[in-house]
Amino acid sequence: MAMMRESSRGSGMSSPEAKLGMQVEDLWDMILEPQLSPTEKLNACFENIPVSAFPPAPSSQVIEINSDASLAEAVQLMSEHKVLSAPVVDVDAPKDASWIDRYIGIVEFVGIVVWILHQFTLSLLGQYSSATGWGWELLGKCRCFFLDSFLEISENKVGLCILQSEKEDGSDGLELLNGEPEAKIGPAVAAAVSGVSSPRKRGNLSPRSAAIISGKFFEALTSSDFYRNTKVCDISGSFRWAPFLALQKANSFLTMLLLLSKYRMKSIPVVDPGEGKIDNIITQSAVIHMLEECSGLHWFESWGTKKLSELGLPLMKPSRIFKVYEDETVLQAFKLMREKRVGGVPVVERGGRKAVGNISIRDIQFLLIAPEIYKNYRSITAKNFLTAVRSYLEEHKEPSPLLNGMVTCKRENTIKEVIVMLNSKKIHRIYVVDDDGNLEGVITLRDIISKLVHEPRGYFGDFFDGVLPLPENSRV
């Protein structure tokens, strides 16, 4: 066995991830209890490896955002470093503060977008109230079609730029009063009041509704005072603001894997208690990359050569897959992700089950960083959105998973084959199809990691201490 491991070391297994895999291999060979299942053996291996052994992330991706940075600065910093979230440092914390007091949370790109939309909404509505003489009591009875659909704002709240009420006959109740010119009340509001069908009569966003938020609207949004002057600390606790839950370098690899899978964390900061600062950030994608680098090792092959169907994947039945049809608006896709708390949805042919593309929550970034892609589209359907973004990426020569097209697999594929596809394409999910290309399920990075290890009873104890909600099926 020692000779085989030495041969592996000499045959190209020299990456940091492969060396980590060799540590697991050595522990795997030392565990001789025959009564242990392969998963139990892996649990024991990973429990004996400190999380500090995980290869460091590229320095460009380990960034921090000051709590007094503007939202515009935060978005620019995350865009430059190609990350979708970052820890927030409390600039008012003492210099000798511990890491617990130094960080106040993790801000997400998506959360910034949503917060700006909501605040910009209220500003537009205030301007409209002043221009038309409408009181807030009347406006409060109106519905915001965009935010009501996307953010599920309650009946009593006012929203973005599509103001609606309903008459008893079901028709729209708002019209331009006394022929108010567009210049007086603004193009966005003028377009909004010009008559969009009632959201109560239709659950999805219409192409006309989507068109209203195109072009100049997002240009105005990114030049607004909300975007340029609001500080990151001002949006703490808002949508998709995450608590700062970190691991210390001495915590185990098993703890990290469970947090990334069962506890749905997308990335985990690793802190050095002595320095009080972040030493590393481990993502789901980094773990998948590590697993591919371990190909050929006994512990990996005993698990990775199993077919998806043998491991109970995909977890979700076809009837429970959240999807959008190609002729539905892209905002309907984002609304669905928000409602169902999923990171992406497949775009499916109308009248069938064949997937033609994927839209992920991170694609909402194009609403801020690339507003020009919408200017030529009066009907932003999911299909048109994918086409527009691909054209934008090709024109700007930017690499992106959206350029890969639809990546699929079948139940007969091994988990090793799926890991290779996920890692090579830099994607977070892969869709399972049958021989005819019909959608049968979806497999995420979290699903794969969850099949590698399991949570022992009482494992976390009081680790979370109320910081992170526990899964419904938690045995803690």
Protein backbone atom coordinates (compact mmCIF):
# COMPACT_ATOMS: atom_id res chain seq x y z
CA MET A 1 0.00 0.00 0.00
CA ALA A 2 2.85 2.38 0.82
CA MET A 3 4.40 1.69 -2.59
CA MET A 4 1.09 2.47 -4.31
CA ARG A 5 0.80 5.78 -2.46
CA GLU A 6 4.39 6.68 -3.30
CA SER A 7 3.68 5.88 -6.95
CA SER A 8 0.65 8.16 -6.85
CA ARG A 9 2.73 10.97 -5.41
CA GLY A 10 5.17 10.64 -8.24
CA SER A 11 2.54 10.54 -10.97
CA GLY A 12 1.32 14.10 -10.79
CA MET A 13 -0.47 14.30 -7.43
CA SER A 14 1.45 17.37 -6.39
CA SER A 15 -1.27 20.02 -6.15
CA PRO A 16 -2.16 21.32 -2.67
CA GLU A 17 -5.58 19.68 -3.02
CA ALA A 18 -4.05 16.33 -3.95
CA LYS A 19 -1.68 16.50 -0.99
CA LEU A 20 -4.67 17.08 1.24
CA GLY A 21 -6.29 14.05 -0.37
CA MET A 22 -3.20 12.02 0.55
CA GLN A 23 -3.68 12.98 4.19
CA VAL A 24 -7.19 11.54 3.96
CA GLU A 25 -5.76 8.44 2.27
CA ASP A 26 -3.27 7.85 5.08
CA LEU A 27 -6.01 8.15 7.68
CA TRP A 28 -8.30 5.93 5.60
CA ASP A 29 -5.70 3.15 5.63
CA MET A 30 -5.21 3.47 9.39
CA ILE A 31 -8.90 2.91 10.19
CA LEU A 32 -9.27 -0.86 10.41
CA GLU A 33 -12.68 -1.19 12.07
CA PRO A 34 -14.61 -3.46 9.64
CA GLN A 35 -17.97 -2.48 11.10
CA LEU A 36 -17.63 1.11 9.81
CA SER A 37 -19.32 2.05 6.55
CA PRO A 38 -17.31 4.01 3.94
CA THR A 39 -19.14 7.20 4.96
CA GLU A 40 -18.35 6.59 8.63
CA LYS A 41 -14.69 6.06 7.75
CA LEU A 42 -14.65 9.32 5.80
CA ASN A 43 -16.29 11.09 8.74
CA ALA A 44 -13.50 9.85 10.99
CA CYS A 45 -10.84 10.92 8.47
CA PHE A 46 -12.21 14.44 8.01
CA GLU A 47 -12.74 14.89 11.75
CA ASN A 48 -8.99 14.40 12.25
CA ILE A 49 -7.90 17.01 9.69
CA PRO A 50 -7.94 20.68 10.75
CA VAL A 51 -9.62 23.13 8.44
CA SER A 52 -6.32 25.03 8.32
CA ALA A 53 -5.05 22.26 6.03
CA PHE A 54 -7.38 23.38 3.23
CA PRO A 55 -5.45 25.13 0.43
CA PRO A 56 -5.69 28.94 0.63
CA ALA A 57 -8.05 30.75 -1.71
CA PRO A 58 -6.51 33.11 -4.28
CA SER A 59 -5.53 36.28 -2.46
CA SER A 60 -7.67 38.30 -4.89
CA GLN A 61 -10.79 36.54 -3.61
CA VAL A 62 -10.15 37.06 0.10
CA ILE A 63 -11.49 40.59 0.43
CA GLU A 64 -13.11 42.62 3.17
CA ILE A 65 -15.49 45.55 2.86
CA ASN A 66 -15.47 48.35 5.39
CA SER A 67 -18.77 49.10 7.03
CA ASP A 68 -18.51 52.76 5.97
CA ALA A 69 -18.00 51.90 2.27
CA SER A 70 -20.77 53.03 -0.07
CA LEU A 71 -22.90 50.47 -1.87
CA ALA A 72 -21.34 51.61 -5.15
CA GLU A 73 -17.86 50.97 -3.74
CA ALA A 74 -18.93 47.55 -2.43
CA VAL A 75 -20.38 46.53 -5.80
CA GLN A 76 -17.28 47.76 -7.63
CA LEU A 77 -14.96 45.87 -5.27
CA MET A 78 -16.90 42.60 -5.57
CA SER A 79 -17.08 42.97 -9.36
CA GLU A 80 -13.35 43.60 -9.66
CA HIS A 81 -12.52 40.56 -7.54
CA LYS A 82 -15.24 38.40 -9.12
CA VAL A 83 -16.90 37.48 -5.83
CA LEU A 84 -20.58 37.63 -4.93
CA SER A 85 -20.23 38.18 -1.20
CA ALA A 86 -17.71 39.55 1.27
CA PRO A 87 -17.31 39.94 5.03
CA VAL A 88 -17.96 43.40 6.44
CA VAL A 89 -15.46 44.95 8.88
CA ASP A 90 -16.75 47.25 11.59
CA VAL A 91 -14.60 50.37 11.17
CA ASP A 92 -15.62 51.52 14.64
CA ALA A 93 -14.31 48.38 16.35
CA PRO A 94 -11.22 48.84 18.55
CA LYS A 95 -7.90 47.93 16.95
CA ASP A 96 -7.43 45.12 19.46
CA ALA A 97 -10.95 43.73 18.91
CA SER A 98 -11.36 39.98 18.57
CA TRP A 99 -12.62 38.58 15.30
CA ILE A 100 -16.08 38.16 16.84
CA ASP A 101 -16.32 41.93 17.38
CA ARG A 102 -14.39 42.93 14.27
CA TYR A 103 -16.83 41.53 11.69
CA ILE A 104 -20.51 42.46 11.63
CA GLY A 105 -21.78 40.20 8.84
CA ILE A 106 -21.47 39.17 5.22
CA VAL A 107 -22.97 41.31 2.47
CA GLU A 108 -24.11 39.78 -0.81
CA PHE A 109 -24.18 41.37 -4.23
CA VAL A 110 -27.78 40.24 -4.66
CA GLY A 111 -28.79 41.79 -1.35
CA ILE A 112 -27.41 45.16 -2.43
CA VAL A 113 -29.36 45.06 -5.70
CA VAL A 114 -32.62 44.25 -3.93
CA TRP A 115 -32.13 46.87 -1.22
CA ILE A 116 -31.40 49.61 -3.77
CA LEU A 117 -34.49 48.71 -5.78
CA HIS A 118 -36.67 48.92 -2.71
CA GLN A 119 -35.28 52.26 -1.52
CA PHE A 120 -35.29 53.78 -5.00
CA THR A 121 -38.91 52.74 -5.17
CA LEU A 122 -39.90 54.83 -2.19
CA SER A 123 -38.02 57.83 -3.57
CA LEU A 124 -39.82 57.62 -6.91
CA LEU A 125 -43.12 57.27 -5.17
CA GLY A 126 -42.44 60.36 -3.05
CA GLN A 127 -41.60 62.36 -6.18
CA TYR A 128 -44.77 61.13 -7.83
CA SER A 129 -46.83 62.09 -4.81
CA SER A 130 -45.47 65.65 -4.94
CA ALA A 131 -45.91 65.96 -8.71
CA THR A 132 -49.50 64.74 -8.83
CA GLY A 133 -50.81 65.91 -5.49
CA TRP A 134 -51.77 62.37 -4.61
CA GLY A 135 -51.58 61.72 -0.88
CA TRP A 136 -49.64 58.86 0.62
CA GLU A 137 -52.88 57.35 1.89
CA LEU A 138 -54.08 56.90 -1.68
CA LEU A 139 -50.72 55.77 -2.93
CA GLY A 140 -50.55 53.29 -0.08
CA LYS A 141 -53.51 51.49 -1.59
CA CYS A 142 -51.62 50.99 -4.82
CA ARG A 143 -49.67 47.90 -5.60
CA CYS A 144 -46.12 47.77 -6.85
CA PHE A 145 -46.08 45.16 -9.53
CA PHE A 146 -42.34 44.75 -9.76
CA LEU A 147 -41.44 44.55 -6.11
CA ASP A 148 -44.68 42.84 -5.15
CA SER A 149 -43.74 40.08 -7.55
CA PHE A 150 -40.02 39.97 -6.84
CA LEU A 151 -39.80 40.77 -3.14
CA GLU A 152 -43.31 39.85 -2.01
CA ILE A 153 -43.92 43.24 -0.41
CA SER A 154 -47.11 43.20 1.62
CA GLU A 155 -50.40 44.78 0.61
CA ASN A 156 -49.85 47.80 2.83
CA LYS A 157 -46.48 48.77 1.38
CA VAL A 158 -45.92 50.89 -1.67
CA GLY A 159 -43.52 49.91 -4.38
CA LEU A 160 -41.49 50.70 -7.43
CA CYS A 161 -42.74 52.31 -10.57
CA ILE A 162 -45.74 50.27 -11.63
CA LEU A 163 -48.49 51.71 -9.49
CA GLN A 164 -51.78 49.94 -9.63
CA SER A 165 -55.13 49.68 -7.95
CA GLU A 166 -58.15 47.78 -9.09
CA LYS A 167 -61.63 48.89 -9.84
CA GLU A 168 -64.49 46.61 -8.98
CA ASP A 169 -64.63 45.42 -12.58
CA GLY A 170 -60.99 44.30 -12.34
CA SER A 171 -59.60 47.00 -14.61
CA ASP A 172 -56.63 49.18 -13.76
CA GLY A 173 -57.53 52.09 -11.53
CA LEU A 174 -54.67 54.51 -12.27
CA GLU A 175 -54.45 56.90 -15.16
CA LEU A 176 -52.35 59.99 -15.89
CA LEU A 177 -54.25 62.73 -14.11
CA ASN A 178 -55.27 65.64 -16.30
CA GLY A 179 -52.84 64.53 -18.99
CA GLU A 180 -49.77 65.21 -16.88
CA PRO A 181 -46.77 65.41 -19.23
CA GLU A 182 -44.06 62.79 -18.94
CA ALA A 183 -41.44 65.46 -18.26
CA LYS A 184 -43.22 66.51 -15.08
CA ILE A 185 -43.63 63.16 -13.41
CA GLY A 186 -40.71 61.30 -14.97
CA PRO A 187 -40.63 58.63 -17.71
CA ALA A 188 -40.56 55.68 -15.33
CA VAL A 189 -43.67 56.77 -13.47
CA ALA A 190 -45.40 57.87 -16.67
CA ALA A 191 -44.82 54.47 -18.19
CA ALA A 192 -45.98 52.83 -15.00
CA VAL A 193 -49.30 54.63 -14.87
CA SER A 194 -50.01 54.16 -18.56
CA GLY A 195 -51.85 50.93 -17.94
CA VAL A 196 -50.33 47.58 -17.06
CA SER A 197 -52.58 44.64 -16.46
CA SER A 198 -53.43 43.84 -12.86
CA PRO A 199 -51.09 41.52 -10.98
CA ARG A 200 -54.08 39.95 -9.26
CA LYS A 201 -55.31 38.72 -12.61
CA ARG A 202 -51.95 37.35 -13.67
CA GLY A 203 -49.28 35.80 -11.46
CA ASN A 204 -46.34 36.32 -13.81
CA LEU A 205 -44.64 39.46 -15.06
CA SER A 206 -45.70 40.45 -18.55
CA PRO A 207 -43.15 41.40 -21.24
CA ARG A 208 -44.55 44.95 -21.17
CA SER A 209 -44.01 45.16 -17.41
CA ALA A 210 -40.45 43.93 -17.79
CA ALA A 211 -39.77 46.51 -20.49
CA ILE A 212 -40.67 49.34 -18.14
CA ILE A 213 -37.69 48.57 -15.93
CA SER A 214 -35.25 48.45 -18.86
CA GLY A 215 -32.76 50.95 -20.22
CA LYS A 216 -32.91 54.34 -18.54
CA PHE A 217 -34.39 52.99 -15.34
CA PHE A 218 -31.26 51.08 -14.36
CA GLU A 219 -29.04 53.93 -15.53
CA ALA A 220 -30.97 56.17 -13.13
CA LEU A 221 -30.73 53.52 -10.44
CA THR A 222 -26.93 53.26 -10.57
CA SER A 223 -26.54 57.03 -10.54
CA SER A 224 -28.94 57.54 -7.65
CA ASP A 225 -27.95 58.91 -4.25
CA PHE A 226 -29.02 55.61 -2.69
CA TYR A 227 -26.37 53.80 -4.68
CA ARG A 228 -23.56 56.31 -4.27
CA ASN A 229 -24.09 57.54 -0.72
CA THR A 230 -25.64 54.72 1.30
CA LYS A 231 -23.13 52.87 3.47
CA VAL A 232 -22.88 49.11 3.69
CA CYS A 233 -23.62 49.22 7.42
CA ASP A 234 -26.95 50.93 6.63
CA ILE A 235 -28.32 47.76 5.04
CA SER A 236 -27.27 45.34 7.78
CA GLY A 237 -29.99 42.84 8.49
CA SER A 238 -31.67 43.34 5.11
CA PHE A 239 -32.46 40.71 2.47
CA ARG A 240 -29.61 38.16 2.07
CA TRP A 241 -27.46 39.81 4.74
CA ALA A 242 -25.77 36.88 6.47
CA PRO A 243 -24.37 36.72 10.00
CA PHE A 244 -20.62 36.34 10.26
CA LEU A 245 -20.23 32.67 11.15
CA ALA A 246 -16.61 31.60 10.86
CA LEU A 247 -14.43 28.63 11.72
CA GLN A 248 -11.19 28.84 13.62
CA LYS A 249 -8.13 27.20 12.10
CA ALA A 250 -8.28 24.35 14.62
CA ASN A 251 -11.84 23.36 13.70
CA SER A 252 -12.20 20.15 11.75
CA PHE A 253 -12.63 19.51 8.06
CA LEU A 254 -15.83 17.61 8.87
CA THR A 255 -17.34 20.71 10.48
CA MET A 256 -16.60 22.71 7.36
CA LEU A 257 -18.14 20.09 5.04
CA LEU A 258 -21.33 19.91 7.10
CA LEU A 259 -21.72 23.69 7.15
CA LEU A 260 -21.34 23.84 3.36
CA SER A 261 -23.87 21.08 2.77
CA LYS A 262 -26.52 20.48 5.41
CA TYR A 263 -26.38 24.01 6.79
CA ARG A 264 -26.49 25.63 3.35
CA MET A 265 -23.54 27.98 3.72
CA LYS A 266 -22.04 29.01 0.38
CA SER A 267 -18.68 30.01 1.80
CA ILE A 268 -16.99 29.87 5.19
CA PRO A 269 -14.39 32.31 6.50
CA VAL A 270 -11.55 30.74 8.48
CA VAL A 271 -10.10 33.06 11.10
CA ASP A 272 -6.82 33.15 12.94
CA PRO A 273 -7.80 33.85 16.58
CA GLY A 274 -4.37 35.24 17.35
CA GLU A 275 -4.48 37.79 14.55
CA GLY A 276 -8.24 38.34 14.78
CA LYS A 277 -8.46 38.36 10.99
CA ILE A 278 -9.62 36.12 8.15
CA ASP A 279 -6.97 33.59 7.13
CA ASN A 280 -8.91 31.83 4.36
CA ILE A 281 -12.34 31.59 2.72
CA ILE A 282 -13.55 28.13 1.71
CA THR A 283 -16.32 27.85 -0.88
CA GLN A 284 -18.42 24.96 -2.13
CA SER A 285 -16.67 25.29 -5.49
CA ALA A 286 -13.25 24.99 -3.85
CA VAL A 287 -14.30 21.73 -2.17
CA ILE A 288 -15.53 20.32 -5.48
CA HIS A 289 -12.19 21.26 -7.07
CA MET A 290 -10.37 19.49 -4.24
CA LEU A 291 -12.45 16.35 -4.78
CA GLU A 292 -11.57 16.23 -8.48
CA GLU A 293 -7.88 16.55 -7.60
CA CYS A 294 -8.25 13.46 -5.39
CA SER A 295 -9.28 11.27 -8.30
CA GLY A 296 -7.35 8.00 -8.21
CA LEU A 297 -7.07 7.79 -4.44
CA HIS A 298 -8.69 4.77 -2.85
CA TRP A 299 -10.99 6.67 -0.50
CA PHE A 300 -12.25 8.84 -3.34
CA GLU A 301 -12.71 6.03 -5.85
CA SER A 302 -14.71 3.94 -3.35
CA TRP A 303 -17.24 6.78 -3.34
CA GLY A 304 -16.75 8.57 -6.65
CA THR A 305 -17.27 5.54 -8.88
CA LYS A 306 -20.83 5.07 -7.65
CA LYS A 307 -23.65 6.04 -9.99
CA LEU A 308 -25.88 8.95 -9.11
CA SER A 309 -28.84 6.60 -8.76
CA GLU A 310 -26.91 4.49 -6.22
CA LEU A 311 -26.40 7.55 -4.03
CA GLY A 312 -30.02 8.64 -4.25
CA LEU A 313 -29.32 11.54 -6.60
CA PRO A 314 -30.96 13.68 -7.75
CA LEU A 315 -32.68 14.38 -4.44
CA MET A 316 -35.61 16.27 -5.97
CA LYS A 317 -38.30 14.58 -8.05
CA PRO A 318 -39.08 16.02 -11.52
CA SER A 319 -42.49 17.27 -10.40
CA ARG A 320 -40.88 19.37 -7.66
CA ILE A 321 -38.29 21.14 -9.80
CA PHE A 322 -38.73 24.91 -9.78
CA LYS A 323 -38.51 26.15 -13.35
CA VAL A 324 -39.49 28.96 -15.69
CA TYR A 325 -40.64 28.69 -19.28
CA GLU A 326 -38.61 30.36 -21.99
CA ASP A 327 -41.35 32.88 -22.76
CA GLU A 328 -41.78 33.98 -19.13
CA THR A 329 -39.94 37.09 -18.00
CA VAL A 330 -36.53 36.89 -16.37
CA LEU A 331 -37.96 38.68 -13.36
CA GLN A 332 -40.28 35.73 -12.89
CA ALA A 333 -37.16 33.57 -12.61
CA PHE A 334 -35.65 35.81 -9.96
CA LYS A 335 -38.98 35.94 -8.13
CA LEU A 336 -39.08 32.13 -8.04
CA MET A 337 -35.55 31.92 -6.68
CA ARG A 338 -36.46 34.42 -3.98
CA GLU A 339 -39.66 32.58 -3.02
CA LYS A 340 -38.22 29.08 -3.03
CA ARG A 341 -34.78 30.04 -1.69
CA VAL A 342 -32.90 28.33 -4.51
CA GLY A 343 -29.78 29.53 -6.28
CA GLY A 344 -30.94 28.92 -9.83
CA VAL A 345 -33.74 27.66 -12.07
CA PRO A 346 -33.78 25.91 -15.44
CA VAL A 347 -35.37 27.61 -18.45
CA VAL A 348 -37.71 25.10 -20.10
CA GLU A 349 -39.39 24.92 -23.51
CA ARG A 350 -43.03 25.93 -23.42
CA GLY A 351 -45.25 22.85 -23.45
CA GLY A 352 -42.44 20.44 -22.68
CA ARG A 353 -39.77 19.37 -20.19
CA LYS A 354 -36.63 20.04 -22.20
CA ALA A 355 -34.31 22.54 -20.53
CA VAL A 356 -32.73 25.15 -22.82
CA GLY A 357 -30.74 27.11 -20.26
CA ASN A 358 -30.14 28.03 -16.65
CA ILE A 359 -30.51 31.32 -14.78
CA SER A 360 -28.82 31.65 -11.40
CA ILE A 361 -29.31 34.22 -8.66
CA ARG A 362 -25.87 35.66 -9.39
CA ASP A 363 -27.07 36.67 -12.86
CA ILE A 364 -29.00 39.49 -11.24
CA GLN A 365 -25.66 41.33 -11.24
CA PHE A 366 -26.30 42.23 -14.87
CA LEU A 367 -29.10 44.50 -13.72
CA LEU A 368 -26.43 46.76 -12.27
CA ILE A 369 -23.15 46.21 -14.05
CA ALA A 370 -24.47 45.81 -17.59
CA PRO A 371 -27.70 47.81 -18.05
CA GLU A 372 -26.95 48.33 -21.74
CA ILE A 373 -27.90 44.74 -22.52
CA TYR A 374 -31.55 45.66 -21.99
CA LYS A 375 -31.78 48.75 -24.18
CA ASN A 376 -32.72 46.89 -27.36
CA TYR A 377 -35.21 44.58 -25.69
CA ARG A 378 -38.84 45.54 -25.20
CA SER A 379 -39.73 42.06 -23.97
CA ILE A 380 -37.18 40.61 -21.60
CA THR A 381 -38.16 36.97 -21.48
CA ALA A 382 -35.95 34.35 -19.88
CA LYS A 383 -34.84 33.21 -23.33
CA ASN A 384 -34.05 36.76 -24.48
CA PHE A 385 -32.20 37.42 -21.23
CA LEU A 386 -29.89 34.45 -21.81
CA THR A 387 -29.26 35.56 -25.39
CA ALA A 388 -28.61 39.18 -24.36
CA VAL A 389 -26.20 38.25 -21.57
CA ARG A 390 -24.26 35.85 -23.79
CA SER A 391 -23.89 38.57 -26.42
CA TYR A 392 -22.70 41.00 -23.76
CA LEU A 393 -20.15 38.52 -22.40
CA GLU A 394 -18.84 37.66 -25.85
CA GLU A 395 -18.55 41.32 -26.79
CA HIS A 396 -16.66 42.14 -23.60
CA LYS A 397 -14.66 38.89 -23.77
CA GLU A 398 -15.63 37.96 -20.23
CA PRO A 399 -15.55 34.28 -19.18
CA SER A 400 -18.77 33.07 -17.62
CA PRO A 401 -20.68 29.81 -17.04
CA LEU A 402 -23.47 31.35 -19.14
CA LEU A 403 -21.30 30.82 -22.21
CA ASN A 404 -21.20 27.06 -21.63
CA GLY A 405 -24.78 26.46 -22.65
CA MET A 406 -26.87 23.85 -20.89
CA VAL A 407 -24.76 21.27 -19.02
CA THR A 408 -26.57 18.00 -18.28
CA CYS A 409 -25.94 14.47 -17.07
CA LYS A 410 -27.88 11.23 -16.62
CA ARG A 411 -28.64 9.04 -13.64
CA GLU A 412 -26.14 6.49 -14.95
CA ASN A 413 -23.26 8.94 -14.68
CA THR A 414 -20.92 8.47 -11.73
CA ILE A 415 -20.54 11.16 -9.11
CA LYS A 416 -16.90 11.42 -10.19
CA GLU A 417 -17.97 12.28 -13.74
CA VAL A 418 -20.38 14.91 -12.44
CA ILE A 419 -17.67 16.46 -10.27
CA VAL A 420 -15.40 16.75 -13.30
CA MET A 421 -18.13 18.52 -15.29
CA LEU A 422 -19.02 20.90 -12.46
CA ASN A 423 -15.40 21.82 -11.85
CA SER A 424 -14.37 22.20 -15.49
CA LYS A 425 -17.39 24.34 -16.37
CA LYS A 426 -17.21 26.37 -13.14
CA ILE A 427 -20.93 25.89 -12.48
CA HIS A 428 -22.90 25.34 -9.27
CA ARG A 429 -25.53 22.93 -10.53
CA ILE A 430 -26.05 20.35 -13.22
CA TYR A 431 -29.37 19.12 -14.58
CA VAL A 432 -30.26 15.45 -14.87
CA VAL A 433 -32.09 14.47 -18.07
CA ASP A 434 -33.46 11.26 -19.57
CA ASP A 435 -32.54 9.81 -22.97
CA ASP A 436 -34.91 12.26 -24.68
CA GLY A 437 -33.44 15.30 -22.95
CA ASN A 438 -36.39 15.76 -20.61
CA LEU A 439 -35.64 17.25 -17.21
CA GLU A 440 -35.48 14.69 -14.39
CA GLY A 441 -33.73 16.56 -11.61
CA VAL A 442 -30.97 18.89 -10.52
CA ILE A 443 -27.76 18.26 -8.58
CA THR A 444 -26.02 21.08 -6.74
CA LEU A 445 -22.58 21.33 -5.17
CA ARG A 446 -24.28 21.06 -1.80
CA ASP A 447 -25.97 17.78 -2.82
CA ILE A 448 -22.61 16.24 -3.68
CA ILE A 449 -20.90 17.30 -0.47
CA SER A 450 -23.88 16.03 1.53
CA LYS A 451 -23.32 12.55 0.09
CA LEU A 452 -19.68 12.55 1.17
CA VAL A 453 -20.23 12.85 4.94
CA HIS A 454 -23.04 12.75 7.48
CA GLU A 455 -23.70 14.61 10.72
CA PRO A 456 -23.23 12.54 13.88
CA ARG A 457 -25.93 12.97 16.51
CA GLY A 458 -25.27 15.98 18.72
CA TYR A 459 -22.20 16.90 16.71
CA PHE A 460 -22.55 20.69 16.84
CA GLY A 461 -23.87 21.02 20.37
CA ASP A 462 -24.15 24.74 21.10
CA PHE A 463 -21.81 25.67 18.24
CA PHE A 464 -24.35 27.95 16.56
CA ASP A 465 -25.64 29.53 19.75
CA GLY A 466 -28.60 31.07 17.92
CA VAL A 467 -26.51 32.62 15.13
CA LEU A 468 -27.59 30.29 12.33
CA PRO A 469 -31.08 28.72 11.95
CA LEU A 470 -30.94 24.96 12.13
CA PRO A 471 -32.31 22.78 9.32
CA GLU A 472 -35.74 21.30 9.95
CA ASN A 473 -34.30 17.78 10.07
CA SER A 474 -31.36 18.67 12.31
CA ARG A 475 -30.52 16.14 15.00
CA VAL A 476 -28.61 18.66 17.13
